[in-house]
Each structure stands twice: as structure tokens, then as C-alpha cells.
Protein backbone atom coordinates (compact mmCIF):
# COMPACT_ATOMS: atom_id res chain seq x y z
CA MET A 1 0.00 0.00 0.00
CA ILE A 2 1.37 3.41 -1.01
CA SER A 3 1.69 6.01 1.73
CA PHE A 4 0.94 9.49 0.43
CA TRP A 5 1.75 11.25 3.70
CA CYS A 6 3.82 10.49 6.78
CA THR A 7 1.98 8.73 9.56
CA ALA A 8 2.85 6.91 12.78
CA LEU A 9 4.39 3.49 12.22
CA THR A 10 4.50 0.73 14.81
CA ARG A 11 7.49 -1.13 13.42
CA PRO A 12 11.07 -0.56 14.66
CA TRP A 13 12.85 2.35 13.01
CA THR A 14 15.22 1.62 10.15
CA TRP A 15 16.93 3.96 7.74
CA GLU A 16 15.10 2.31 4.85
CA TRP A 17 13.76 5.03 2.57
CA ILE A 18 9.97 5.44 2.35
CA ALA A 19 8.28 7.15 -0.60
CA TYR A 20 5.59 9.75 0.04
CA PRO A 21 4.30 10.92 -3.38
CA GLY A 22 1.68 13.17 -1.78
CA ILE A 23 4.45 15.25 -0.20
CA TRP A 24 6.30 15.46 -3.51
CA LEU A 25 3.17 16.71 -5.29
CA ALA A 26 2.43 19.22 -2.52
CA THR A 27 5.96 20.60 -2.99
CA ILE A 28 6.34 20.49 -6.77
CA LEU A 29 2.94 21.79 -7.86
CA PRO A 30 3.20 25.24 -6.19
CA ILE A 31 6.73 25.69 -7.55
CA VAL A 32 5.68 24.75 -11.11
CA ALA A 33 2.60 26.99 -10.93
CA TYR A 34 4.74 29.86 -9.63
CA LEU A 35 7.36 29.55 -12.38
CA VAL A 36 4.71 29.32 -15.12
CA SER A 37 2.91 32.39 -13.74
CA VAL A 38 5.99 34.60 -13.42
CA ARG A 39 7.18 33.70 -16.91
CA ARG A 40 3.81 34.66 -18.38
CA TYR A 41 3.56 37.90 -16.43
CA PRO A 42 4.79 40.86 -18.52
CA ALA A 43 6.84 42.42 -15.71
CA LYS A 44 10.48 41.48 -15.23
CA VAL A 45 10.95 38.27 -13.29
CA ASP A 46 12.46 38.85 -9.83
CA TRP A 47 14.63 35.76 -9.49
CA GLY A 48 15.56 36.75 -5.94
CA LYS A 49 11.92 36.40 -4.95
CA ALA A 50 11.65 33.20 -6.94
CA ALA A 51 14.59 31.76 -4.99
CA GLN A 52 12.89 32.65 -1.69
CA PHE A 53 9.61 31.06 -2.79
CA ILE A 54 11.28 27.87 -4.00
CA GLY A 55 13.46 27.80 -0.88
CA GLY A 56 10.36 27.99 1.31
CA TRP A 57 8.78 25.00 -0.40
CA LEU A 58 12.04 23.06 -0.21
CA VAL A 59 12.06 23.67 3.55
CA PHE A 60 8.47 22.42 3.62
CA TRP A 61 9.54 19.29 1.72
CA ALA A 62 12.51 18.63 4.04
CA ALA A 63 10.28 18.98 7.10
CA SER A 64 7.51 16.79 5.69
CA ASP A 65 9.29 13.97 3.86
CA TRP A 66 11.36 11.04 5.05
CA PRO A 67 13.26 10.90 7.38
CA LEU A 68 12.20 13.92 9.48
CA GLY A 69 8.54 13.65 8.57
CA THR A 70 8.44 9.95 9.43
CA LEU A 71 10.30 10.48 12.70
CA GLY A 72 8.01 13.34 13.69
CA ALA A 73 4.86 11.46 12.77
CA GLY A 74 5.35 8.62 15.19
CA TYR A 75 8.80 8.14 16.65
CA MET A 76 10.24 11.27 18.28
CA ALA A 77 8.63 14.28 19.94
CA SER A 78 11.79 16.27 19.20
CA ALA A 79 11.41 15.59 15.46
CA HIS A 80 7.76 16.62 15.72
CA MET A 81 8.87 19.91 17.26
CA ALA A 82 11.56 20.45 14.63
CA GLN A 83 8.91 20.07 11.93
CA PHE A 84 6.69 22.67 13.56
CA LEU A 85 9.50 25.21 13.76
CA LEU A 86 10.66 24.60 10.19
CA TYR A 87 7.13 25.17 8.91
CA THR A 88 6.33 28.25 10.95
CA LEU A 89 9.70 30.02 11.22
CA LEU A 90 11.31 29.24 7.85
CA ALA A 91 8.99 27.81 5.19
CA ALA A 92 6.05 30.17 5.69
CA PRO A 93 7.97 33.49 5.80
CA LEU A 94 10.14 32.50 2.82
CA ILE A 95 7.05 31.71 0.75
CA LEU A 96 5.47 35.03 1.71
CA LEU A 97 8.66 36.92 0.91
CA GLY A 98 8.94 35.18 -2.44
CA THR A 99 5.37 35.85 -3.57
CA PRO A 100 5.01 38.95 -5.80
CA GLU A 101 2.21 41.33 -4.87
CA TRP A 102 0.39 40.90 -8.18
CA MET A 103 0.34 37.12 -7.65
CA ALA A 104 -0.87 37.43 -4.05
CA ASN A 105 -3.64 39.78 -5.16
CA ARG A 106 -4.70 37.41 -7.93
CA ILE A 107 -4.74 34.33 -5.68
CA THR A 108 -6.55 35.96 -2.76
CA LYS A 109 -9.18 37.50 -5.04
CA ARG A 110 -9.86 34.19 -6.78
CA LEU A 111 -10.18 32.43 -3.43
CA ARG A 112 -12.20 35.37 -2.06
CA ILE A 113 -9.97 35.68 0.98
CA ARG A 114 -8.30 39.01 0.27
CA ASN A 115 -10.31 40.88 2.88
CA ALA A 116 -9.52 38.21 5.46
CA VAL A 117 -5.81 38.36 4.62
CA VAL A 118 -5.75 42.16 4.92
CA TRP A 119 -7.63 41.93 8.21
CA LEU A 120 -5.17 39.38 9.59
CA GLY A 121 -2.23 41.54 8.62
CA ASN A 122 -3.64 44.55 10.40
CA SER A 123 -5.23 42.85 13.38
CA LEU A 124 -2.18 42.04 15.47
CA VAL A 125 -4.22 40.71 18.36
CA GLY A 126 -6.24 38.48 16.03
CA SER A 127 -3.16 37.10 14.29
CA ALA A 128 -1.38 36.46 17.59
CA LEU A 129 -4.43 34.68 19.04
CA LEU A 130 -5.01 32.51 15.97
CA TYR A 131 -1.35 31.50 15.73
CA ASN A 132 -1.16 30.53 19.38
CA VAL A 133 -4.49 28.70 19.34
CA ILE A 134 -3.15 26.52 16.52
CA LEU A 135 0.16 26.10 18.37
CA LEU A 136 -1.51 24.93 21.59
CA ALA A 137 -4.16 22.81 19.85
CA THR A 138 -1.68 20.90 17.67
CA HIS A 139 0.68 20.21 20.58
CA ALA A 140 -2.02 18.99 22.94
CA PRO A 141 -1.51 15.26 23.74
CA GLY A 142 -5.00 14.33 22.56
CA SER A 143 -4.55 16.09 19.22
CA VAL A 144 -1.17 14.50 18.56
CA GLN A 145 -2.49 11.05 19.43
CA ALA A 146 -5.58 11.44 17.24
CA LEU A 147 -3.99 13.06 14.20
CA ARG A 148 -0.65 11.31 13.87
CA THR A 149 -2.20 7.85 13.57
CA SER A 150 -3.63 8.47 10.09
CA GLN A 151 -2.26 9.93 6.87
CA PHE A 152 -5.11 12.44 6.62
CA GLY A 153 -4.68 13.49 10.25
CA SER A 154 -0.94 13.91 9.87
CA PHE A 155 -1.48 15.92 6.68
CA PHE A 156 -4.03 18.09 8.51
CA MET A 157 -1.50 18.82 11.28
CA ASP A 158 1.24 19.77 8.82
CA ALA A 159 -1.18 21.98 6.87
CA ALA A 160 -2.32 23.64 10.10
CA TRP A 161 1.29 24.43 10.95
CA MET A 162 1.87 26.03 7.55
CA ILE A 163 -1.28 28.11 7.95
CA ALA A 164 -0.11 29.11 11.44
CA GLY A 165 3.19 30.24 9.95
CA PHE A 166 1.44 32.37 7.33
CA ILE A 167 -0.75 33.93 10.03
CA LEU A 168 2.24 34.68 12.25
CA TRP A 169 4.27 36.39 9.54
CA MET A 170 1.44 38.12 7.66
CA PRO A 171 1.75 41.45 9.55
CA ILE A 172 5.53 41.43 9.01
CA VAL A 173 6.20 40.26 5.44
CA ALA A 174 2.81 39.97 3.71
CA PRO A 175 3.20 40.30 -0.07
CA ILE A 176 0.12 42.57 -0.14
CA LYS A 177 1.08 46.01 1.15
CA GLU A 178 -2.29 46.64 2.76
CA ALA A 179 -1.82 43.49 4.84
CA ARG A 180 1.44 44.63 6.43
CA THR A 181 1.34 46.53 9.70
CA ARG A 182 2.98 49.90 9.11
CA SER A 183 4.17 50.71 12.62
CA ALA A 184 7.65 49.30 13.20
CA ALA A 185 7.20 49.43 16.96
CA ALA A 186 3.93 47.50 16.72
CA ARG A 187 5.53 44.85 14.51
CA MET A 188 8.41 44.32 16.95
CA ILE A 189 6.13 44.04 19.97
CA TYR A 190 3.73 41.78 18.07
CA LEU A 191 6.44 39.38 16.93
CA PHE A 192 7.89 39.10 20.44
CA VAL A 193 4.50 38.53 22.07
CA ALA A 194 3.03 36.24 19.40
CA ALA A 195 6.05 33.98 18.91
CA SER A 196 7.75 34.00 22.29
CA ILE A 197 5.41 34.38 25.25
CA VAL A 198 2.64 31.78 24.84
CA SER A 199 5.03 29.16 23.46
CA VAL A 200 6.87 29.23 26.80
CA ILE A 201 3.93 27.36 28.35
CA PRO A 202 4.13 24.13 26.30
CA ALA A 203 7.92 24.42 26.01
CA SER A 204 8.35 24.62 29.80
CA PHE A 205 5.86 21.83 30.37
CA LEU A 206 7.72 19.56 27.96
CA THR A 207 11.11 20.48 29.38
CA PHE A 208 10.42 20.08 33.07
CA THR A 209 7.87 17.27 33.27
CA ASN A 210 9.20 13.89 34.38
CA ILE A 211 6.53 11.74 32.76
CA PRO A 212 5.80 11.22 29.06
CA ILE A 213 2.73 13.15 27.97
CA TYR A 214 2.60 11.88 24.38
CA GLY A 215 1.55 8.23 24.38
CA ILE A 216 2.37 7.87 20.69
CA TYR A 217 6.02 8.75 21.28
CA GLU A 218 6.25 6.95 24.63
CA LEU A 219 5.20 3.63 23.08
CA ALA A 220 7.11 4.10 19.81
CA PRO A 221 10.21 1.97 19.17
CA ARG A 222 13.27 3.92 20.28
CA VAL A 223 15.34 5.51 17.54
CA THR A 224 18.15 6.87 19.71
CA SER A 225 19.47 6.16 23.18
CA PHE A 226 17.13 8.85 24.56
CA THR A 227 14.21 7.69 26.65
CA ALA A 228 10.72 9.00 25.87
CA VAL A 229 11.05 11.57 28.68
CA GLU A 230 14.48 12.75 27.49
CA ASP A 231 13.20 13.05 23.92
CA GLN A 232 10.22 15.03 25.18
CA GLN A 233 12.50 17.33 27.19
CA LEU A 234 14.64 17.84 24.09
CA ALA A 235 11.48 18.86 22.21
CA GLY A 236 10.78 21.51 24.85
CA ILE A 237 14.35 22.82 24.67
CA ILE A 238 14.15 23.02 20.87
CA MET A 239 10.89 24.94 21.12
CA LYS A 240 12.45 27.41 23.58
CA ILE A 241 15.80 27.97 21.90
CA ALA A 242 15.15 27.66 18.15
CA THR A 243 12.83 30.66 18.04
CA ILE A 244 15.38 33.03 19.57
CA PRO A 245 17.76 33.61 16.62
CA ILE A 246 15.01 33.96 14.01
CA ILE A 247 12.59 36.11 15.99
CA TRP A 248 15.23 38.37 17.53
CA SER A 249 17.20 38.79 14.29
CA THR A 250 13.94 39.82 12.58
CA ILE A 251 13.18 42.29 15.36
CA ALA A 252 16.73 43.65 15.00
CA VAL A 253 16.26 44.15 11.24
CA ILE A 254 12.97 45.99 11.82
CA TRP A 255 14.65 48.16 14.46
CA PHE A 256 17.63 49.15 12.31
CA ARG A 257 15.43 49.91 9.31
CA TRP A 258 13.16 51.98 11.52
CA THR A 259 16.02 54.00 13.00
CA ALA A 260 17.57 54.50 9.55
CA GLN A 261 14.26 55.84 8.26
CA GLU A 262 13.93 58.16 11.25
CA VAL A 263 17.43 59.53 10.56
CA ARG A 264 16.60 60.16 6.89
CA THR A 265 13.38 61.99 7.72
CA ALA A 266 14.88 64.00 10.61
């Protein structure tokens, strides 16, 4: 039977390659559609943006496919956490950065979601709440147990993480100008609050608890010498530490651009 998406496996881990054609299609189709669209558009192709867009989908592929996707689906909580961070902190913002405004306008109008996208980009409280609701819901033990045991459920979780990443970064790097928050100070505060404060709760719980909270990873065949608790603690540490360089470097870039603009207009 062909597996189209990563799901929890009950057999001992081996480094035998597993094919997931659904993941390949989910990665290739957006890239092909993008390249066809930009070549047909009369404006000059921005290959820098194209590289960002393709890079974002390649990060998505690396996080979803074997081996990381398989490990995260049913073997290691730490791999599960690494997937989440790759989707939300790298893949999603790169895709947004690489999408030209004319393309974003065309897609959102066809899907009739342009108003919702603009609202998300300007409603910092709404974006922060939605992102963190998805974060907490998809890391709850019951959700992980229910979703990771089927291909559709695992796909749903990965898709939810990508959507969460788009929501998080929309006010910062939305391709539609109206969807970007103009105030630099507001963007810095938003990014710190949305990506750093609420995530401390599950990260601390994972790091400091002495009992496994994810049954699917507790009962999974061991891949490394780490116990289920140690793997879970590693997941919490990854969640705490991995956000720091990306979030704070982004805040630093916003700050320096803001101060440079203030100097020019002084």
C-alpha cells in the first residue's frame, strides 16, 4: 500500500527510505505553478523572490518527507517539534517573501480571501491569538495522538502548521502592502509577544515534566538512546531555543530599518 503522507508506524525504526508521493506533489505543484505564472507575467521576473519562494517550499519538503517527517509522525517528539519550527519560522515566511504582490492579489481575489488576509495583517491581536491557538491545539496530547495515527490526520496537522506560519508572519512580510502593519514598533512588539510568550507554556511543560505526555512517542520503538522523557524534554528545549535567533534577528532588522528611516526623515 502506497503512503501518500507520513503517519505513525509501529514497526522498529530503520533507515530504509519510504516514498511519500503526496508530499512530492504538494511541494512540486506550487513551484511549477509559480514559475509558469511569473514567466507569463509581462513584468520582469524577480529571481531573488523566486529563490525565496522555492526555498520555502524546499524547507516544507525537508520537514515533511522522510526521514524527518516519518520520525516526527510517530517516533520522536523532538522531530515533531523540529517540523513545527521549520514550517512556521522558515517555510512560511520565505514563501510570503517570495510571492510577488500581483500574484498574491490574484490568488486571494480568486479564493475570495483578500479581505480576510488584509484583516489578519492589520489585526495584530487576532493574528497572535489565531497563531497561538493553533500552536496549543496541535501540541495537545490528545490532538497529537488522534492526528498522527492516520495519513489524513498527519497531513491536517502539517497543513495547520503552515497556515499558522502564514498567520504569524502576515503582519511582518505579507506580499500585499495593505496586509502589512505599518508601525515598526507595533511589529516588533507583536512578533515578540506572538512567537515568544505563549510558546513558553508548552515548552516549559515539555522540558520540566518527568513523565511522558505523548503516548504515541512513549510507546514508539526507540530511535536513539534517549528515553521517551528525554526526547520530550529535548522537544521543549528546541521549542524554547530555536525561536530566539530567528525572531530576535527579525526584530533587529525591523529596528535598524526603523532608526535609519527616522534619521533620513529628521
